């Protein structure tokens, strides 16, 4: 990996990526279609700028390479509870300069989990779900000084609707930045998104690589005047 000169050199960046699962019974789960690719691309780009990157990676379809595992501190998580615990532990350590929360975290979980295996012989299965805690909304309570980048995915929204939703979502989580995109606009090779802060739209990008570079450019500027934060001894990743 080629490292470029950057204000991110030596900065500690926490990134979440991929889906999380919630268990239905001992052998089944509910998940989502997140591949984890966006978070992994951002993690690679941050490491190339000299950042010390910790990646909390859910069970997506994009797998890290051996090179990724040598360049990044990857913590493999599977369930919503794994991700929730890992974010709380790492953010709560007050040792990261920024959190880029790109993971597609489960919004719902079954009201009750079957300890064994549900019978496959029934013609209809009804499962009641309840909402999960919003992990991203806990971040600023855990560490008010961390720079938070939130992601917001919508479906079939107009550009105006997407901006309005992103503006409200950013403020709700007290995030410095939010990345918003529309699933219906994402195709092979294209990943259009907008990056917004409290003042409005900072950039419009067309690909995942463009998104990573523009996002890190902004973090470069935001962290320039801040002293780097240090790793807390004894922090044990959740696996």
Protein backbone atom coordinates (compact mmCIF):
# COMPACT_ATOMS: atom_id res chain seq x y z
CA UNK A 1 0.00 0.00 0.00
CA UNK A 2 1.32 3.45 -0.95
CA UNK A 3 0.93 6.01 1.85
CA UNK A 4 0.28 9.60 0.79
CA UNK A 5 1.05 12.73 2.80
CA UNK A 6 -2.04 13.59 4.85
CA UNK A 7 -3.19 15.16 8.09
CA UNK A 8 -4.70 11.73 8.77
CA UNK A 9 -1.23 10.29 9.36
CA UNK A 10 -1.24 8.79 12.83
CA UNK A 11 -4.92 9.52 13.37
CA UNK A 12 -7.04 6.74 14.81
CA UNK A 13 -10.11 6.13 12.66
CA UNK A 14 -12.89 3.68 13.58
CA UNK A 15 -14.97 2.41 10.65
CA UNK A 16 -17.99 0.12 10.64
CA UNK A 17 -18.99 -1.82 7.52
CA UNK A 18 -21.22 -4.61 6.28
CA UNK A 19 -24.52 -5.97 7.58
CA UNK A 20 -25.48 -7.35 10.97
CA UNK A 21 -27.69 -10.35 11.60
CA UNK A 22 -30.40 -10.99 14.19
CA UNK A 23 -31.21 -14.54 15.16
CA UNK A 24 -34.64 -16.09 14.66
CA UNK A 25 -33.74 -19.46 16.11
CA UNK A 26 -30.60 -21.55 16.66
CA UNK A 27 -29.95 -21.96 12.91
CA UNK A 28 -31.71 -19.04 11.14
CA UNK A 29 -31.23 -15.29 10.99
CA UNK A 30 -32.53 -12.14 9.32
CA UNK A 31 -29.98 -9.90 7.61
CA UNK A 32 -29.75 -7.38 4.80
CA UNK A 33 -28.05 -7.06 1.41
CA UNK A 34 -25.12 -4.86 2.46
CA UNK A 35 -21.86 -6.12 0.93
CA UNK A 36 -19.49 -4.17 3.18
CA UNK A 37 -17.63 -2.86 0.13
CA UNK A 38 -18.10 0.87 0.81
CA UNK A 39 -16.70 0.68 4.33
CA UNK A 40 -13.79 -1.46 3.18
CA UNK A 41 -12.92 0.97 0.36
CA UNK A 42 -12.97 3.87 2.83
CA UNK A 43 -10.84 1.90 5.29
CA UNK A 44 -8.22 1.17 2.62
CA UNK A 45 -8.15 4.80 1.53
CA UNK A 46 -7.76 6.02 5.13
CA UNK A 47 -4.90 3.59 5.74
CA UNK A 48 -3.23 4.80 2.53
CA UNK A 49 -3.26 8.29 4.06
CA UNK A 50 -1.44 7.00 7.12
CA UNK A 51 -4.38 6.60 9.49
CA UNK A 52 -4.49 3.81 12.06
CA UNK A 53 -7.74 2.14 11.05
CA UNK A 54 -9.90 -0.20 13.09
CA UNK A 55 -12.63 -1.81 10.98
CA UNK A 56 -15.66 -3.39 12.65
CA UNK A 57 -16.76 -5.68 9.81
CA UNK A 58 -20.06 -7.50 9.56
CA UNK A 59 -20.69 -10.68 7.52
CA UNK A 60 -20.94 -9.08 4.07
CA UNK A 61 -20.17 -10.46 0.62
CA UNK A 62 -16.98 -8.40 0.17
CA UNK A 63 -14.20 -10.20 2.01
CA UNK A 64 -11.00 -8.49 3.19
CA UNK A 65 -7.76 -9.71 1.66
CA UNK A 66 -4.69 -10.83 3.60
CA UNK A 67 -3.20 -7.45 2.75
CA UNK A 68 -6.23 -5.75 4.30
CA UNK A 69 -5.75 -7.74 7.50
CA UNK A 70 -2.11 -6.69 7.69
CA UNK A 71 -2.87 -2.99 7.04
CA UNK A 72 -6.08 -2.69 9.08
CA UNK A 73 -7.10 -3.80 12.56
CA UNK A 74 -10.17 -5.81 11.55
CA UNK A 75 -12.68 -6.93 14.16
CA UNK A 76 -15.12 -9.46 12.70
CA UNK A 77 -18.66 -9.12 14.06
CA UNK A 78 -21.77 -11.06 13.09
CA UNK A 79 -24.87 -10.07 15.04
CA UNK A 80 -26.43 -6.74 15.95
CA UNK A 81 -25.38 -7.34 19.55
CA UNK A 82 -21.78 -7.93 18.44
CA UNK A 83 -21.71 -4.61 16.58
CA UNK A 84 -23.48 -2.73 19.37
CA UNK A 85 -21.03 -3.99 21.98
CA UNK A 86 -17.98 -3.35 19.78
CA UNK A 87 -19.01 0.24 18.93
CA UNK A 88 -19.75 1.04 22.56
CA UNK A 89 -16.42 -0.39 23.70
CA UNK A 90 -14.28 1.27 21.05
CA UNK A 91 -16.01 4.67 21.03
CA UNK A 92 -16.22 4.62 24.81
CA UNK A 93 -12.44 4.28 25.02
CA UNK A 94 -12.12 7.95 23.89
CA UNK A 95 -9.13 6.94 21.78
CA UNK A 96 -10.45 7.54 18.25
CA UNK A 97 -10.37 10.79 16.30
CA UNK A 98 -13.30 9.85 14.06
CA UNK A 99 -15.98 7.22 13.51
CA UNK A 100 -17.19 6.53 9.97
CA UNK A 101 -20.37 4.53 10.57
CA UNK A 102 -21.00 2.89 7.19
CA UNK A 103 -22.43 -0.41 8.47
CA UNK A 104 -26.00 -1.41 7.59
CA UNK A 105 -27.10 -2.18 11.14
CA UNK A 106 -30.27 -4.19 11.78
CA UNK A 107 -33.24 -1.94 12.58
CA UNK A 108 -35.46 -4.74 13.92
CA UNK A 109 -35.11 -7.99 15.83
CA UNK A 110 -37.58 -10.72 16.82
CA UNK A 111 -39.49 -10.05 20.01
CA UNK A 112 -38.49 -13.52 21.14
CA UNK A 113 -35.77 -15.87 19.92
CA UNK A 114 -36.42 -19.59 19.64
CA UNK A 115 -33.71 -21.47 21.52
CA UNK A 116 -34.02 -24.53 19.33
CA UNK A 117 -34.99 -24.84 15.67
CA UNK A 118 -38.39 -23.72 14.44
CA UNK A 119 -40.20 -26.48 12.61
CA UNK A 120 -39.94 -26.34 8.82
CA UNK A 121 -43.19 -28.31 8.49
CA UNK A 122 -45.55 -25.39 9.00
CA UNK A 123 -47.16 -23.65 6.01
CA UNK A 124 -47.08 -20.20 7.60
CA UNK A 125 -44.73 -18.65 10.15
CA UNK A 126 -45.51 -15.35 11.87
CA UNK A 127 -42.67 -13.56 13.68
CA UNK A 128 -43.15 -10.33 15.63
CA UNK A 129 -40.31 -7.81 15.49
CA UNK A 130 -39.34 -4.85 17.66
CA UNK A 131 -36.94 -2.02 16.91
CA UNK A 132 -33.29 -2.17 17.92
CA UNK A 133 -31.44 0.70 19.62
CA UNK A 134 -29.93 3.24 17.20
CA UNK A 135 -26.22 2.67 17.64
CA UNK A 136 -25.27 5.87 15.81
CA UNK A 137 -27.41 7.94 18.18
CA UNK A 138 -25.36 6.68 21.16
CA UNK A 139 -21.99 7.76 19.77
CA UNK A 140 -21.94 11.39 20.92
CA UNK A 141 -23.10 10.35 24.39
CA UNK A 142 -20.16 7.96 24.61
CA UNK A 143 -17.58 10.42 23.21
CA UNK A 144 -18.70 14.00 22.48
CA UNK A 145 -15.30 14.87 20.94
CA UNK A 146 -15.24 12.17 18.26
CA UNK A 147 -15.91 13.32 14.69
CA UNK A 148 -18.95 11.31 13.56
CA UNK A 149 -19.76 10.45 9.95
CA UNK A 150 -23.23 8.95 9.54
CA UNK A 151 -24.59 7.09 6.50
CA UNK A 152 -28.21 7.22 5.37
CA UNK A 153 -29.65 4.95 2.67
CA UNK A 154 -33.07 5.61 1.16
CA UNK A 155 -35.07 4.13 -1.73
CA UNK A 156 -36.87 5.96 -4.56
CA UNK A 157 -36.42 9.47 -3.19
CA UNK A 158 -36.14 12.66 -5.20
CA UNK A 159 -32.88 14.64 -4.74
CA UNK A 160 -34.76 17.19 -2.67
CA UNK A 161 -36.31 14.54 -0.45
CA UNK A 162 -32.95 12.84 0.04
CA UNK A 163 -31.30 16.10 1.11
CA UNK A 164 -34.13 16.90 3.54
CA UNK A 165 -34.00 13.45 5.11
CA UNK A 166 -30.20 13.60 5.39
CA UNK A 167 -30.30 17.06 6.98
CA UNK A 168 -32.71 15.93 9.68
CA UNK A 169 -30.90 12.62 10.23
CA UNK A 170 -27.51 14.32 10.67
CA UNK A 171 -28.88 16.71 13.26
CA UNK A 172 -30.67 13.91 15.13
CA UNK A 173 -27.41 12.01 15.65
CA UNK A 174 -25.31 15.17 16.11
CA UNK A 175 -23.01 13.95 13.35
CA UNK A 176 -20.54 16.35 11.78
CA UNK A 177 -21.06 14.74 8.37
CA UNK A 178 -23.64 12.54 6.71
CA UNK A 179 -23.42 10.52 3.51
CA UNK A 180 -26.80 9.97 1.87
CA UNK A 181 -27.65 7.89 -1.17
CA UNK A 182 -30.56 6.19 -2.88
CA UNK A 183 -30.50 2.45 -3.52
CA UNK A 184 -32.47 2.85 -6.74
CA UNK A 185 -29.64 4.99 -8.21
CA UNK A 186 -26.85 2.52 -7.41
CA UNK A 187 -25.74 0.37 -10.33
CA UNK A 188 -22.69 -1.66 -11.33
CA UNK A 189 -19.80 0.79 -11.24
CA UNK A 190 -21.86 3.73 -9.98
CA UNK A 191 -22.55 4.73 -6.41
CA UNK A 192 -23.90 8.29 -6.41
CA UNK A 193 -24.07 9.97 -3.01
CA UNK A 194 -24.18 13.37 -1.37
CA UNK A 195 -21.99 14.47 1.53
CA UNK A 196 -23.55 17.04 3.86
CA UNK A 197 -22.59 18.95 6.98
CA UNK A 198 -24.51 21.46 9.10
CA UNK A 199 -24.30 24.05 6.30
CA UNK A 200 -25.69 21.82 3.55
CA UNK A 201 -24.29 19.85 0.63
CA UNK A 202 -20.50 19.68 0.55
CA UNK A 203 -20.11 17.38 -2.43
CA UNK A 204 -21.86 15.10 -4.86
CA UNK A 205 -19.93 12.00 -5.87
CA UNK A 206 -20.51 9.29 -8.46
CA UNK A 207 -18.46 6.30 -7.27
CA UNK A 208 -17.41 4.63 -4.03
CA UNK A 209 -13.79 5.62 -4.59
CA UNK A 210 -14.80 9.26 -5.16
CA UNK A 211 -16.84 9.10 -1.97
CA UNK A 212 -13.91 7.75 0.06
CA UNK A 213 -11.46 10.39 -1.17
CA UNK A 214 -13.85 13.34 -0.78
CA UNK A 215 -14.91 12.21 2.68
CA UNK A 216 -11.31 11.82 3.83
CA UNK A 217 -10.41 15.21 2.35
CA UNK A 218 -13.00 16.76 4.63
CA UNK A 219 -11.78 14.80 7.66
CA UNK A 220 -8.27 16.00 6.84
CA UNK A 221 -9.39 19.58 7.33
CA UNK A 222 -11.55 18.93 10.38
CA UNK A 223 -8.81 17.10 12.26
CA UNK A 224 -5.95 19.42 11.29
CA UNK A 225 -6.32 21.64 14.36
CA UNK A 226 -6.96 18.82 16.82
CA UNK A 227 -4.27 16.92 18.72
CA UNK A 228 -4.20 13.21 17.82
CA UNK A 229 -5.87 10.83 20.26
CA UNK A 230 -4.02 7.84 21.63
CA UNK A 231 -4.85 4.20 21.95
CA UNK A 232 -6.11 3.19 25.36
CA UNK A 233 -4.15 0.32 26.87
CA UNK A 234 -6.19 -2.78 27.55
CA UNK A 235 -8.91 -2.18 24.95
CA UNK A 236 -9.98 -5.66 23.91
CA UNK A 237 -11.83 -5.99 20.58
CA UNK A 238 -15.07 -7.96 20.69
CA UNK A 239 -14.99 -10.94 18.28
